[in-house]
Amino acid sequence: MDGCLAVDREVDKFLSKLSSFNHSVNRNLVECGQLLDRSKSLSESDQYDKAMETVSKVKSVAQTVANDHKDLHFFNLQIGKSVDKNFVASDPNIMHWLSWRVNKNRR
């Protein structure tokens, strides 16, 4: 039972991080869209400066998303490590269940 709770804690961490990631990506995409919309109404001389500001912001957002995405992989890996740590693959009950699943899928 402790093993299940340990894995459950890791899954909760992952889901929390995933929710935060989704919120951050959505917020940043809306902000980039607003910058683009504002730049459309500027004069030609101001558009270049605004375009460069928008490009800089988009690069920053892309880097942030990439880093946060890497973090998600770390939390996903932690779930796998917790499963490996808390459950033994050679447990006869698990092996029986796995062989039953394999045979069932072959039919």
Protein backbone atom coordinates (compact mmCIF):
# COMPACT_ATOMS: atom_id res chain seq x y z
CA MET A 1 0.00 0.00 0.00
CA ASP A 2 2.89 2.38 0.75
CA GLY A 3 4.17 1.80 -2.77
CA CYS A 4 0.86 2.87 -4.27
CA LEU A 5 0.84 6.01 -2.14
CA ALA A 6 4.40 6.87 -3.18
CA VAL A 7 3.53 6.51 -6.86
CA ASP A 8 0.33 8.49 -6.31
CA ARG A 9 2.35 11.37 -4.81
CA GLU A 10 4.62 11.42 -7.87
CA VAL A 11 1.60 11.39 -10.19
CA ASP A 12 0.09 14.31 -8.25
CA LYS A 13 3.34 16.28 -8.63
CA PHE A 14 3.33 15.58 -12.36
CA LEU A 15 -0.31 16.60 -12.80
CA SER A 16 0.29 19.81 -10.84
CA LYS A 17 3.29 20.65 -13.01
CA LEU A 18 1.32 19.82 -16.17
CA SER A 19 -1.52 22.11 -15.12
CA SER A 20 0.94 24.92 -14.40
CA PHE A 21 2.62 24.31 -17.77
CA ASN A 22 -0.70 24.50 -19.64
CA HIS A 23 -1.67 27.71 -17.86
CA SER A 24 1.72 29.31 -18.58
CA VAL A 25 1.67 28.34 -22.27
CA ASN A 26 -1.86 29.65 -22.75
CA ARG A 27 -1.06 32.93 -21.00
CA ASN A 28 2.10 33.47 -23.06
CA LEU A 29 0.40 32.64 -26.36
CA VAL A 30 -2.39 35.13 -25.63
CA GLU A 31 0.21 37.77 -24.81
CA CYS A 32 2.09 37.12 -28.08
CA GLY A 33 -1.18 37.33 -30.00
CA GLN A 34 -1.99 40.66 -28.38
CA LEU A 35 1.45 42.01 -29.34
CA LEU A 36 0.86 40.98 -32.95
CA ASP A 37 -2.60 42.56 -33.01
CA ARG A 38 -1.25 45.85 -31.60
CA SER A 39 1.56 45.95 -34.15
CA LYS A 40 -0.94 45.86 -37.04
CA SER A 41 -2.35 49.26 -36.15
CA LEU A 42 1.01 51.07 -35.98
CA SER A 43 2.54 53.28 -38.63
CA GLU A 44 5.22 51.73 -40.87
CA SER A 45 8.06 53.43 -39.00
CA ASP A 46 6.85 52.11 -35.65
CA GLN A 47 6.10 48.63 -36.99
CA TYR A 48 9.76 47.65 -37.32
CA ASP A 49 10.49 48.41 -33.64
CA LYS A 50 7.32 46.64 -32.54
CA ALA A 51 8.13 43.68 -34.82
CA MET A 52 11.55 43.33 -33.24
CA GLU A 53 9.98 43.51 -29.77
CA THR A 54 7.45 40.85 -30.79
CA VAL A 55 10.16 38.57 -32.21
CA SER A 56 12.13 38.94 -28.97
CA LYS A 57 9.04 38.10 -26.91
CA VAL A 58 8.21 35.06 -29.07
CA LYS A 59 11.78 33.75 -28.72
CA SER A 60 11.58 34.21 -24.96
CA VAL A 61 8.24 32.38 -24.79
CA ALA A 62 9.56 29.53 -26.95
CA GLN A 63 12.59 29.11 -24.66
CA THR A 64 10.38 29.14 -21.56
CA VAL A 65 8.04 26.53 -23.06
CA ALA A 66 11.01 24.33 -24.03
CA ASN A 67 12.47 24.50 -20.51
CA ASP A 68 9.11 23.79 -18.88
CA HIS A 69 8.62 20.87 -21.27
CA LYS A 70 11.95 19.41 -20.14
CA ASP A 71 10.76 19.71 -16.54
CA LEU A 72 7.67 17.67 -17.42
CA HIS A 73 9.93 14.86 -18.65
CA PHE A 74 11.77 14.96 -15.33
CA PHE A 75 8.55 14.59 -13.34
CA ASN A 76 7.38 11.78 -15.65
CA LEU A 77 10.71 10.01 -15.07
CA GLN A 78 10.16 10.33 -11.31
CA ILE A 79 6.91 8.39 -11.65
CA GLY A 80 8.75 5.55 -13.39
CA LYS A 81 11.48 5.55 -10.75
CA SER A 82 8.88 5.40 -8.01
CA VAL A 83 7.19 2.44 -9.67
CA ASP A 84 10.54 0.65 -10.05
CA LYS A 85 11.45 1.38 -6.44
CA ASN A 86 8.15 0.32 -4.89
CA PHE A 87 7.17 -2.70 -6.96
CA VAL A 88 9.03 -5.88 -7.77
CA ALA A 89 8.61 -7.15 -11.33
CA SER A 90 9.37 -10.73 -10.30
CA ASP A 91 6.39 -10.83 -7.94
CA PRO A 92 4.57 -14.07 -8.88
CA ASN A 93 1.18 -12.34 -8.84
CA ILE A 94 2.36 -9.67 -11.26
CA MET A 95 4.05 -12.21 -13.51
CA HIS A 96 0.87 -14.32 -13.55
CA TRP A 97 -1.20 -11.26 -14.44
CA LEU A 98 1.23 -10.22 -17.19
CA SER A 99 1.25 -13.68 -18.75
CA TRP A 100 -2.55 -13.75 -18.62
CA ARG A 101 -2.69 -10.34 -20.40
CA VAL A 102 -0.22 -11.43 -23.06
CA ASN A 103 -2.12 -14.67 -23.74
CA LYS A 104 -5.44 -12.80 -23.79
CA ASN A 105 -4.11 -10.31 -26.35
CA ARG A 106 -2.81 -13.10 -28.60
CA ARG A 107 -6.29 -14.59 -29.01
